[in-house]
C-alpha atoms as a PDB file:
ATOM      1  CA  MET A   1      99.926  81.852  88.624  1.00  0.00           C
ATOM      2  CA  GLY A   2      97.118  84.204  87.662  1.00  0.00           C
ATOM      3  CA  PRO A   3      96.663  87.870  88.659  1.00  0.00           C
ATOM      4  CA  GLU A   4      95.518  88.293  92.217  1.00  0.00           C
ATOM      5  CA  PRO A   5      91.764  89.082  92.320  1.00  0.00           C
ATOM      6  CA  GLU A   6      90.990  92.908  92.466  1.00  0.00           C
ATOM      7  CA  ARG A   7      90.271  93.849  96.176  1.00  0.00           C
ATOM      8  CA  ASP A   8      87.232  95.820  97.066  1.00  0.00           C
ATOM      9  CA  PRO A   9      87.850  99.376  98.055  1.00  0.00           C
ATOM     10  CA  LEU A  10      87.508 101.071 101.382  1.00  0.00           C
ATOM     11  CA  TYR A  11      84.640 103.260 101.179  1.00  0.00           C
ATOM     12  CA  LEU A  12      84.686 106.734 102.974  1.00  0.00           C
ATOM     13  CA  ALA A  13      81.866 108.959 103.942  1.00  0.00           C
ATOM     14  CA  LEU A  14      82.277 112.291 105.356  1.00  0.00           C
ATOM     15  CA  THR A  15      79.396 112.758 107.584  1.00  0.00           C
ATOM     16  CA  VAL A  16      78.622 116.103 109.295  1.00  0.00           C
ATOM     17  CA  ASP A  17      76.665 116.819 112.236  1.00  0.00           C
ATOM     18  CA  VAL A  18      75.045 120.345 111.523  1.00  0.00           C
ATOM     19  CA  ASP A  19      74.034 121.625 114.974  1.00  0.00           C
ATOM     20  CA  ALA A  20      74.421 124.469 117.518  1.00  0.00           C
ATOM     21  CA  ASP A  21      77.905 126.177 118.281  1.00  0.00           C
ATOM     22  CA  ALA A  22      79.973 124.035 120.782  1.00  0.00           C
ATOM     23  CA  ASN A  23      76.676 122.136 122.129  1.00  0.00           C
ATOM     24  CA  ARG A  24      76.360 120.450 125.177  1.00  0.00           C
ATOM     25  CA  PRO A  25      73.618 118.916 127.468  1.00  0.00           C
ATOM     26  CA  ALA A  26      72.298 121.151 130.216  1.00  0.00           C
ATOM     27  CA  ARG A  27      71.213 119.638 133.708  1.00  0.00           C
ATOM     28  CA  GLY A  28      67.510 119.430 133.926  1.00  0.00           C
ATOM     29  CA  ARG A  29      66.354 120.137 130.280  1.00  0.00           C
ATOM     30  CA  PRO A  30      66.782 117.816 127.343  1.00  0.00           C
ATOM     31  CA  ASP A  31      67.837 120.284 124.668  1.00  0.00           C
ATOM     32  CA  ALA A  32      71.485 121.483 124.075  1.00  0.00           C
ATOM     33  CA  VAL A  33      73.114 125.011 124.893  1.00  0.00           C
ATOM     34  CA  THR A  34      76.063 126.451 123.595  1.00  0.00           C
ATOM     35  CA  ALA A  35      79.219 126.739 125.888  1.00  0.00           C
ATOM     36  CA  GLY A  36      80.059 130.009 127.326  1.00  0.00           C
ATOM     37  CA  ARG A  37      76.789 131.725 126.535  1.00  0.00           C
ATOM     38  CA  ALA A  38      74.533 133.604 128.933  1.00  0.00           C
ATOM     39  CA  PRO A  39      71.735 133.098 129.138  1.00  0.00           C
ATOM     40  CA  GLN A  40      72.331 129.466 128.246  1.00  0.00           C
ATOM     41  CA  GLU A  41      70.738 129.163 124.693  1.00  0.00           C
ATOM     42  CA  ALA A  42      71.939 127.597 121.414  1.00  0.00           C
ATOM     43  CA  ALA A  43      73.725 129.917 119.066  1.00  0.00           C
ATOM     44  CA  TYR A  44      74.589 129.041 115.242  1.00  0.00           C
ATOM     45  CA  ASP A  45      76.880 131.643 114.000  1.00  0.00           C
ATOM     46  CA  ALA A  46      79.984 129.405 114.052  1.00  0.00           C
ATOM     47  CA  CYS A  47      77.947 126.593 112.554  1.00  0.00           C
ATOM     48  CA  PHE A  48      76.838 128.539 109.713  1.00  0.00           C
ATOM     49  CA  GLU A  49      80.369 129.933 109.090  1.00  0.00           C
ATOM     50  CA  GLY A  50      81.994 126.767 109.374  1.00  0.00           C
ATOM     51  CA  LEU A  51      79.296 124.980 107.189  1.00  0.00           C
ATOM     52  CA  GLU A  52      79.810 127.561 104.525  1.00  0.00           C
ATOM     53  CA  MET A  53      83.735 127.076 104.361  1.00  0.00           C
ATOM     54  CA  LEU A  54      83.044 123.243 104.325  1.00  0.00           C
ATOM     55  CA  LEU A  55      80.723 123.333 101.517  1.00  0.00           C
ATOM     56  CA  ARG A  56      83.365 125.237  99.346  1.00  0.00           C
ATOM     57  CA  VAL A  57      86.038 122.507 100.313  1.00  0.00           C
ATOM     58  CA  LEU A  58      83.481 119.728  98.972  1.00  0.00           C
ATOM     59  CA  GLU A  59      82.622 121.795  96.088  1.00  0.00           C
ATOM     60  CA  ARG A  60      86.303 122.306  95.047  1.00  0.00           C
ATOM     61  CA  LEU A  61      87.163 118.468  95.763  1.00  0.00           C
ATOM     62  CA  SER A  62      84.023 117.194  94.128  1.00  0.00           C
ATOM     63  CA  LEU A  63      83.159 114.997  97.161  1.00  0.00           C
ATOM     64  CA  PRO A  64      79.965 113.583  98.465  1.00  0.00           C
ATOM     65  CA  ALA A  65      79.174 113.812 102.103  1.00  0.00           C
ATOM     66  CA  ALA A  66      76.206 113.641 104.497  1.00  0.00           C
ATOM     67  CA  LEU A  67      74.516 116.246 106.377  1.00  0.00           C
ATOM     68  CA  PHE A  68      72.833 115.304 109.423  1.00  0.00           C
ATOM     69  CA  TRP A  69      70.789 118.230 110.511  1.00  0.00           C
ATOM     70  CA  GLU A  70      69.449 119.187 113.876  1.00  0.00           C
ATOM     71  CA  ALA A  71      66.046 120.190 112.732  1.00  0.00           C
ATOM     72  CA  ARG A  72      66.024 123.693 114.688  1.00  0.00           C
ATOM     73  CA  CYS A  73      69.446 124.551 112.983  1.00  0.00           C
ATOM     74  CA  LEU A  74      67.950 123.751 109.685  1.00  0.00           C
ATOM     75  CA  ASP A  75      64.888 125.807 110.487  1.00  0.00           C
ATOM     76  CA  ARG A  76      67.177 128.816 111.443  1.00  0.00           C
ATOM     77  CA  LEU A  77      69.146 128.565 108.212  1.00  0.00           C
ATOM     78  CA  THR A  78      66.111 129.300 106.048  1.00  0.00           C
ATOM     79  CA  SER A  79      65.665 132.755 107.416  1.00  0.00           C
ATOM     80  CA  ARG A  80      69.343 133.573 108.417  1.00  0.00           C
ATOM     81  CA  ASN A  81      71.239 132.479 105.416  1.00  0.00           C
ATOM     82  CA  PRO A  82      68.833 131.195 102.524  1.00  0.00           C
ATOM     83  CA  ASP A  83      71.728 131.447  99.897  1.00  0.00           C
ATOM     84  CA  LEU A  84      73.801 129.048 102.122  1.00  0.00           C
ATOM     85  CA  LEU A  85      70.829 126.745 102.702  1.00  0.00           C
ATOM     86  CA  ALA A  86      70.366 126.518  98.648  1.00  0.00           C
ATOM     87  CA  GLN A  87      73.953 125.800  98.195  1.00  0.00           C
ATOM     88  CA  ALA A  88      73.759 122.806 100.450  1.00  0.00           C
ATOM     89  CA  LEU A  89      70.094 121.695  98.945  1.00  0.00           C
ATOM     90  CA  GLU A  90      71.237 122.114  95.475  1.00  0.00           C
ATOM     91  CA  ASN A  91      74.343 120.168  95.705  1.00  0.00           C
ATOM     92  CA  PRO A  92      73.603 116.820  94.109  1.00  0.00           C
ATOM     93  CA  LEU A  93      76.528 115.209  96.009  1.00  0.00           C
ATOM     94  CA  LEU A  94      75.107 115.851  99.297  1.00  0.00           C
ATOM     95  CA  GLU A  95      72.841 113.446 101.234  1.00  0.00           C
ATOM     96  CA  HIS A  96      70.725 114.766 104.072  1.00  0.00           C
ATOM     97  CA  GLY A  97      70.006 113.045 107.546  1.00  0.00           C
ATOM     98  CA  GLY A  98      68.467 113.959 110.664  1.00  0.00           C
ATOM     99  CA  HIS A  99      69.943 114.828 114.017  1.00  0.00           C
ATOM    100  CA  GLY A 100      66.953 115.578 116.367  1.00  0.00           C
ATOM    101  CA  TRP A 101      64.919 118.660 116.863  1.00  0.00           C
ATOM    102  CA  ARG A 102      67.247 120.624 119.457  1.00  0.00           C
ATOM    103  CA  HIS A 103      69.966 118.157 119.753  1.00  0.00           C
ATOM    104  CA  GLU A 104      68.302 116.299 122.290  1.00  0.00           C
ATOM    105  CA  ASP A 105      70.191 114.163 125.278  1.00  0.00           C
ATOM    106  CA  PHE A 106      67.562 111.352 124.516  1.00  0.00           C
ATOM    107  CA  ALA A 107      69.239 109.049 126.975  1.00  0.00           C
ATOM    108  CA  GLY A 108      69.605 111.507 129.604  1.00  0.00           C
ATOM    109  CA  LYS A 109      73.166 110.644 130.370  1.00  0.00           C
ATOM    110  CA  GLN A 110      74.147 114.106 131.411  1.00  0.00           C
ATOM    111  CA  SER A 111      70.977 116.288 131.267  1.00  0.00           C
ATOM    112  CA  GLY A 112      69.298 113.896 133.809  1.00  0.00           C
ATOM    113  CA  VAL A 113      66.126 113.989 131.556  1.00  0.00           C
ATOM    114  CA  SER A 114      65.736 110.924 129.519  1.00  0.00           C
ATOM    115  CA  LEU A 115      63.002 110.777 126.825  1.00  0.00           C
ATOM    116  CA  GLY A 116      60.493 108.002 126.717  1.00  0.00           C
ATOM    117  CA  ARG A 117      58.604 106.602 124.030  1.00  0.00           C
ATOM    118  CA  ASP A 118      56.029 109.324 123.745  1.00  0.00           C
ATOM    119  CA  GLU A 119      58.631 112.369 124.221  1.00  0.00           C
ATOM    120  CA  THR A 120      60.889 110.632 121.434  1.00  0.00           C
ATOM    121  CA  GLU A 121      58.096 110.333 119.043  1.00  0.00           C
ATOM    122  CA  ARG A 122      57.147 113.891 119.631  1.00  0.00           C
ATOM    123  CA  VAL A 123      60.630 115.075 118.929  1.00  0.00           C
ATOM    124  CA  LEU A 124      60.897 112.963 115.702  1.00  0.00           C
ATOM    125  CA  THR A 125      57.317 114.411 114.752  1.00  0.00           C
ATOM    126  CA  ARG A 126      58.390 118.114 115.132  1.00  0.00           C
ATOM    127  CA  ALA A 127      61.787 117.467 113.184  1.00  0.00           C
ATOM    128  CA  GLY A 128      60.008 115.544 110.501  1.00  0.00           C
ATOM    129  CA  GLN A 129      57.814 118.676 109.991  1.00  0.00           C
ATOM    130  CA  VAL A 130      60.930 120.751 109.229  1.00  0.00           C
ATOM    131  CA  PHE A 131      62.393 117.946 106.974  1.00  0.00           C
ATOM    132  CA  ASP A 132      59.114 117.828 104.982  1.00  0.00           C
ATOM    133  CA  SER A 133      58.937 121.722 104.769  1.00  0.00           C
ATOM    134  CA  VAL A 134      62.598 122.399 103.915  1.00  0.00           C
ATOM    135  CA  LEU A 135      64.146 119.195 102.464  1.00  0.00           C
ATOM    136  CA  GLN A 136      60.579 118.210 100.851  1.00  0.00           C
ATOM    137  CA  SER A 137      61.487 114.684 101.862  1.00  0.00           C
ATOM    138  CA  ARG A 138      62.366 112.621 104.802  1.00  0.00           C
ATOM    139  CA  PRO A 139      65.969 112.029 105.291  1.00  0.00           C
ATOM    140  CA  PRO A 140      67.066 108.479 105.104  1.00  0.00           C
ATOM    141  CA  GLY A 141      69.488 108.398 107.879  1.00  0.00           C
ATOM    142  CA  PHE A 142      69.707 109.436 111.312  1.00  0.00           C
ATOM    143  CA  ARG A 143      72.616 110.123 114.021  1.00  0.00           C
ATOM    144  CA  ALA A 144      71.350 110.584 117.659  1.00  0.00           C
ATOM    145  CA  PRO A 145      72.786 113.459 119.289  1.00  0.00           C
ATOM    146  CA  TYR A 146      76.062 112.597 121.260  1.00  0.00           C
ATOM    147  CA  CYS A 147      75.615 109.287 119.486  1.00  0.00           C
ATOM    148  CA  ARG A 148      73.393 108.004 122.161  1.00  0.00           C
ATOM    149  CA  LEU A 149      70.943 105.742 120.411  1.00  0.00           C
ATOM    150  CA  THR A 150      68.315 104.745 122.823  1.00  0.00           C
ATOM    151  CA  PRO A 151      65.727 101.423 122.594  1.00  0.00           C
ATOM    152  CA  GLU A 152      63.040 104.197 122.130  1.00  0.00           C
ATOM    153  CA  LEU A 153      64.598 105.959 119.233  1.00  0.00           C
ATOM    154  CA  ALA A 154      65.462 102.506 117.541  1.00  0.00           C
ATOM    155  CA  GLN A 155      61.830 101.616 117.718  1.00  0.00           C
ATOM    156  CA  ALA A 156      60.601 104.807 116.453  1.00  0.00           C
ATOM    157  CA  LEU A 157      62.989 105.840 113.624  1.00  0.00           C
ATOM    158  CA  PRO A 158      61.782 103.439 110.779  1.00  0.00           C
ATOM    159  CA  ALA A 159      58.066 104.791 111.266  1.00  0.00           C
ATOM    160  CA  TYR A 160      59.408 108.308 110.695  1.00  0.00           C
ATOM    161  CA  GLY A 161      61.065 107.204 107.174  1.00  0.00           C
ATOM    162  CA  TYR A 162      64.670 106.408 108.503  1.00  0.00           C
ATOM    163  CA  LEU A 163      66.296 103.381 106.760  1.00  0.00           C
ATOM    164  CA  TYR A 164      69.488 103.667 108.763  1.00  0.00           C
ATOM    165  CA  ASP A 165      71.095 104.858 111.987  1.00  0.00           C
ATOM    166  CA  ALA A 166      74.935 105.925 112.099  1.00  0.00           C
ATOM    167  CA  SER A 167      75.290 106.430 116.048  1.00  0.00           C
ATOM    168  CA  LEU A 168      76.952 103.531 117.411  1.00  0.00           C
ATOM    169  CA  ALA A 169      80.509 102.974 117.668  1.00  0.00           C
ATOM    170  CA  ARG A 170      82.354  99.661 117.400  1.00  0.00           C
ATOM    171  CA  ARG A 171      85.930  98.338 116.913  1.00  0.00           C
ATOM    172  CA  PRO A 172      86.787  96.491 113.654  1.00  0.00           C
ATOM    173  CA  GLY A 173      87.455  92.759 114.058  1.00  0.00           C
ATOM    174  CA  GLU A 174      86.174  89.151 113.015  1.00  0.00           C
ATOM    175  CA  ASP A 175      82.752  90.153 113.989  1.00  0.00           C
ATOM    176  CA  TRP A 176      82.531  93.275 112.335  1.00  0.00           C
ATOM    177  CA  GLN A 177      84.381  94.573 109.104  1.00  0.00           C
ATOM    178  CA  LEU A 178      82.853  97.915 108.886  1.00  0.00           C
ATOM    179  CA  ARG A 179      79.535  96.447 107.089  1.00  0.00           C
ATOM    180  CA  PRO A 180      76.027  97.649 107.787  1.00  0.00           C
ATOM    181  CA  TYR A 181      74.001  95.251 109.816  1.00  0.00           C
ATOM    182  CA  ARG A 182      70.278  95.116 111.344  1.00  0.00           C
ATOM    183  CA  LEU A 183      69.961  96.171 114.924  1.00  0.00           C
ATOM    184  CA  GLU A 184      68.747  93.851 117.579  1.00  0.00           C
ATOM    185  CA  LEU A 185      66.788  96.734 119.085  1.00  0.00           C
ATOM    186  CA  ASN A 186      64.785  97.015 115.799  1.00  0.00           C
ATOM    187  CA  PRO A 187      65.628  94.399 112.878  1.00  0.00           C
ATOM    188  CA  ALA A 188      63.876  97.049 110.502  1.00  0.00           C
ATOM    189  CA  LEU A 189      66.667  99.607 111.031  1.00  0.00           C
ATOM    190  CA  TRP A 190      70.047  99.310 109.492  1.00  0.00           C
ATOM    191  CA  GLU A 191      73.030 100.340 111.646  1.00  0.00           C
ATOM    192  CA  LEU A 192      76.077 101.864 109.859  1.00  0.00           C
ATOM    193  CA  SER A 193      78.647 102.052 112.874  1.00  0.00           C
ATOM    194  CA  LEU A 194      81.147 104.561 113.441  1.00  0.00           C
ATOM    195  CA  CYS A 195      84.666 103.111 113.614  1.00  0.00           C
ATOM    196  CA  ARG A 196      86.893 102.969 116.911  1.00  0.00           C
ATOM    197  CA  GLY A 197      90.512 101.963 115.854  1.00  0.00           C
ATOM    198  CA  THR A 198      94.106 102.434 116.846  1.00  0.00           C
ATOM    199  CA  ASP A 199      96.798 104.430 116.034  1.00  0.00           C
ATOM    200  CA  ARG A 200     100.525 103.642 115.239  1.00  0.00           C
ATOM    201  CA  GLN A 201     101.291 103.693 118.979  1.00  0.00           C
ATOM    202  CA  GLY A 202      98.153 101.331 119.691  1.00  0.00           C
ATOM    203  CA  ARG A 203      96.184 104.110 121.217  1.00  0.00           C
ATOM    204  CA  PRO A 204      92.515 104.597 120.521  1.00  0.00           C
ATOM    205  CA  ILE A 205      91.452 106.833 117.612  1.00  0.00           C
ATOM    206  CA  SER A 206      87.919 107.236 116.162  1.00  0.00           C
ATOM    207  CA  GLY A 207      86.745 108.391 112.594  1.00  0.00           C
ATOM    208  CA  TYR A 208      85.584 111.570 114.480  1.00  0.00           C
ATOM    209  CA  LEU A 209      87.935 114.577 113.714  1.00  0.00           C
ATOM    210  CA  TRP A 210      87.441 116.047 117.280  1.00  0.00           C
ATOM    211  CA  GLN A 211      90.997 115.506 118.341  1.00  0.00           C
ATOM    212  CA  LEU A 212      92.338 116.889 115.092  1.00  0.00           C
ATOM    213  CA  LEU A 213      90.246 120.114 115.472  1.00  0.00           C
ATOM    214  CA  GLU A 214      91.268 120.440 118.957  1.00  0.00           C
ATOM    215  CA  GLY A 215      94.813 120.327 117.918  1.00  0.00           C
ATOM    216  CA  ARG A 216      95.562 116.966 119.701  1.00  0.00           C
ATOM    217  CA  ARG A 217      96.033 114.935 116.592  1.00  0.00           C
ATOM    218  CA  GLN A 218      97.632 115.266 113.048  1.00  0.00           C
ATOM    219  CA  VAL A 219      96.249 114.431 109.687  1.00  0.00           C
ATOM    220  CA  SER A 220      98.589 111.632 109.386  1.00  0.00           C
ATOM    221  CA  ASP A 221      97.006 109.662 112.153  1.00  0.00           C
ATOM    222  CA  TYR A 222      93.659 109.658 110.398  1.00  0.00           C
ATOM    223  CA  LEU A 223      95.574 108.883 107.111  1.00  0.00           C
ATOM    224  CA  HIS A 224      97.033 105.934 108.931  1.00  0.00           C
ATOM    225  CA  LEU A 225      93.491 104.660 110.023  1.00  0.00           C
ATOM    226  CA  VAL A 226      92.393 104.956 106.466  1.00  0.00           C
ATOM    227  CA  GLU A 227      95.307 102.886 105.354  1.00  0.00           C
ATOM    228  CA  SER A 228      95.200 100.311 108.076  1.00  0.00           C
ATOM    229  CA  LEU A 229      91.350  99.745 107.645  1.00  0.00           C
ATOM    230  CA  GLY A 230      91.865  99.540 103.781  1.00  0.00           C
ATOM    231  CA  ASP A 231      93.954  96.572 104.426  1.00  0.00           C
ATOM    232  CA  ARG A 232      91.833  95.057 107.000  1.00  0.00           C
ATOM    233  CA  ALA A 233      88.235  95.774 105.964  1.00  0.00           C
ATOM    234  CA  PRO A 234      88.100  96.203 102.076  1.00  0.00           C
ATOM    235  CA  GLY A 235      84.521  96.684 101.151  1.00  0.00           C
ATOM    236  CA  GLY A 236      83.579  98.391 104.331  1.00  0.00           C
ATOM    237  CA  LEU A 237      82.560 101.730 105.230  1.00  0.00           C
ATOM    238  CA  LEU A 238      84.585 104.188 107.381  1.00  0.00           C
ATOM    239  CA  GLN A 239      82.856 107.460 108.385  1.00  0.00           C
ATOM    240  CA  LEU A 240      85.018 110.539 108.870  1.00  0.00           C
ATOM    241  CA  ALA A 241      82.834 112.909 111.080  1.00  0.00           C
ATOM    242  CA  LEU A 242      82.928 116.463 112.464  1.00  0.00           C
ATOM    243  CA  HIS A 243      80.699 119.378 113.151  1.00  0.00           C
ATOM    244  CA  PRO A 244      80.990 122.587 111.187  1.00  0.00           C
ATOM    245  CA  TRP A 245      81.076 124.991 114.213  1.00  0.00           C
ATOM    246  CA  HIS A 246      84.360 122.994 115.108  1.00  0.00           C
ATOM    247  CA  LEU A 247      86.308 124.919 112.211  1.00  0.00           C
ATOM    248  CA  VAL A 248      85.388 128.076 113.744  1.00  0.00           C
ATOM    249  CA  VAL A 249      85.255 127.583 117.619  1.00  0.00           C
ATOM    250  CA  ALA A 250      86.772 125.058 120.090  1.00  0.00           C
ATOM    251  CA  GLU A 251      84.918 122.671 122.350  1.00  0.00           C
ATOM    252  CA  ASP A 252      84.809 125.273 125.042  1.00  0.00           C
ATOM    253  CA  GLY A 253      83.048 127.851 122.843  1.00  0.00           C
ATOM    254  CA  GLU A 254      86.369 130.154 122.499  1.00  0.00           C
ATOM    255  CA  PRO A 255      86.849 131.281 118.889  1.00  0.00           C
ATOM    256  CA  PHE A 256      89.995 129.954 116.993  1.00  0.00           C
ATOM    257  CA  GLY A 257      90.057 133.286 115.100  1.00  0.00           C
ATOM    258  CA  PRO A 258      90.519 133.687 111.360  1.00  0.00           C
ATOM    259  CA  GLU A 259      94.041 132.264 111.248  1.00  0.00           C
ATOM    260  CA  GLY A 260      92.928 129.369 113.395  1.00  0.00           C
ATOM    261  CA  ALA A 261      90.043 128.725 111.502  1.00  0.00           C
ATOM    262  CA  ALA A 262      92.051 128.727 108.223  1.00  0.00           C
ATOM    263  CA  VAL A 263      94.452 126.270 109.635  1.00  0.00           C
ATOM    264  CA  ARG A 264      91.726 123.609 110.635  1.00  0.00           C
ATOM    265  CA  LEU A 265      90.084 124.252 107.245  1.00  0.00           C
ATOM    266  CA  ARG A 266      93.345 123.379 105.367  1.00  0.00           C
ATOM    267  CA  GLN A 267      93.648 120.320 107.511  1.00  0.00           C
ATOM    268  CA  VAL A 268      90.336 119.001 106.892  1.00  0.00           C
ATOM    269  CA  GLU A 269      90.725 119.583 103.203  1.00  0.00           C
ATOM    270  CA  GLY A 270      94.178 118.255 103.275  1.00  0.00           C
ATOM    271  CA  LEU A 271      92.890 114.849 104.953  1.00  0.00           C
ATOM    272  CA  LEU A 272      90.007 114.619 102.469  1.00  0.00           C
ATOM    273  CA  HIS A 273      92.289 115.210  99.330  1.00  0.00           C
ATOM    274  CA  ARG A 274      95.121 112.707 100.432  1.00  0.00           C
ATOM    275  CA  ALA A 275      92.757 110.130 101.382  1.00  0.00           C
ATOM    276  CA  GLY A 276      90.723 110.267  98.254  1.00  0.00           C
ATOM    277  CA  ALA A 277      93.972 110.080  96.349  1.00  0.00           C
ATOM    278  CA  LYS A 278      94.972 106.843  97.799  1.00  0.00           C
ATOM    279  CA  ALA A 279      94.700 103.733  95.586  1.00  0.00           C
ATOM    280  CA  GLY A 280      91.599 101.523  96.711  1.00  0.00           C
ATOM    281  CA  ILE A 281      89.533 104.371  98.445  1.00  0.00           C
ATOM    282  CA  GLU A 282      86.342 105.403  97.319  1.00  0.00           C
ATOM    283  CA  PHE A 283      84.275 108.215  98.664  1.00  0.00           C
ATOM    284  CA  THR A 284      80.489 107.779  99.243  1.00  0.00           C
ATOM    285  CA  THR A 285      77.703 108.768 101.290  1.00  0.00           C
ATOM    286  CA  PRO A 286      76.051 106.316 103.911  1.00  0.00           C
ATOM    287  CA  GLY A 287      72.790 106.036 102.016  1.00  0.00           C
ATOM    288  CA  ALA A 288      74.129 105.243  98.864  1.00  0.00           C
ATOM    289  CA  TYR A 289      76.713 102.747 100.323  1.00  0.00           C
ATOM    290  CA  LEU A 290      73.586 101.146 101.989  1.00  0.00           C
ATOM    291  CA  SER A 291      71.882 100.908  98.825  1.00  0.00           C
ATOM    292  CA  SER A 292      74.605  98.715  97.410  1.00  0.00           C
ATOM    293  CA  HIS A 293      75.846  96.785 100.200  1.00  0.00           C
ATOM    294  CA  SER A 294      72.586  95.841 102.308  1.00  0.00           C
ATOM    295  CA  ASN A 295      71.992  92.607 100.446  1.00  0.00           C
ATOM    296  CA  GLY A 296      74.841  89.918 100.122  1.00  0.00           C
ATOM    297  CA  GLY A 297      77.659  91.786 101.286  1.00  0.00           C
ATOM    298  CA  ALA A 298      76.113  93.325 104.229  1.00  0.00           C
ATOM    299  CA  GLU A 299      76.616  91.791 107.847  1.00  0.00           C
ATOM    300  CA  ASP A 300      73.182  90.606 108.851  1.00  0.00           C
ATOM    301  CA  ARG A 301      74.398  89.763 112.445  1.00  0.00           C
ATOM    302  CA  ARG A 302      72.062  91.832 114.637  1.00  0.00           C
ATOM    303  CA  GLY A 303      74.997  92.715 116.797  1.00  0.00           C
ATOM    304  CA  ALA A 304      73.930  95.779 118.733  1.00  0.00           C
ATOM    305  CA  THR A 305      72.123  94.936 121.878  1.00  0.00           C
ATOM    306  CA  GLY A 306      70.443  97.208 124.315  1.00  0.00           C
ATOM    307  CA  GLY A 307      73.464  97.533 126.198  1.00  0.00           C
ATOM    308  CA  ALA A 308      75.685  98.276 123.339  1.00  0.00           C
ATOM    309  CA  ALA A 309      73.432 100.848 122.265  1.00  0.00           C
ATOM    310  CA  ALA A 310      73.549 102.626 125.980  1.00  0.00           C
ATOM    311  CA  LYS A 311      77.497 102.549 125.574  1.00  0.00           C
ATOM    312  CA  GLY A 312      77.807 102.990 121.864  1.00  0.00           C
ATOM    313  CA  TRP A 313      78.715 106.633 121.766  1.00  0.00           C
ATOM    314  CA  ILE A 314      81.794 108.551 120.919  1.00  0.00           C
ATOM    315  CA  SER A 315      83.271 110.405 123.657  1.00  0.00           C
ATOM    316  CA  PRO A 316      85.520 113.055 121.680  1.00  0.00           C
END
């Protein structure tokens, strides 16, 4: 017998939603507010602190990543911390994506204010102006705030230069092996879905690191997810996702303090380092992965329906 054919690697992408501190929808308004603040406005202190910490880790490990920018946050960073902005923009391993203008609840699921076609296009236009000014280009990828991709968003995104969306969550199985596919909502748009898997006990776990940063899971849980998907879905893309502010403050807006932030940063760095050291694992960005997998190897089954879009978001 000859040697077994070499298996495709499992691709990992760290995707970072760069937005306001511990953001949450506010009833009666489409944009996000910061938990625990009065008046209810968005704050970015923890976001920028966490982003600086995370960028140092990525530079130390020489890892690629994708930053999905809330445009208002990116605009504020230009005046608040231009050195940090330059660090993000000058790193050739970083890909940049869009994340709305003010972290809008496009679906109105909690705010009660859903955005129709015209309002959606106004948000994308305003965000695009910031991206043109600061990034000097339109980002290739989009992640909907709260991972709620609406039909209006799916229809509008390609016209604003977006090639892919990375909002919907799916469970891997025979009908999906972590590969890109074209959306039924708009076949001009590729979907790079987030993954919902199971841990050793069969409990649900997602690629979002929310539970890790809230102290409800261990690094080993996510390493098990990586290992299991490497066996089940070689050649697929697993996204590990987080918010920079979550290194600094909890979901309720309470600060972790210097020691708590350092612990969380070590957990994230340890996870990335240990995952990258495993055989058959390769780090990439969603855009780079799509460029090499959107022909031939991609799943062109247009599997995300309007109903899936309405349900396809990750509850941390």
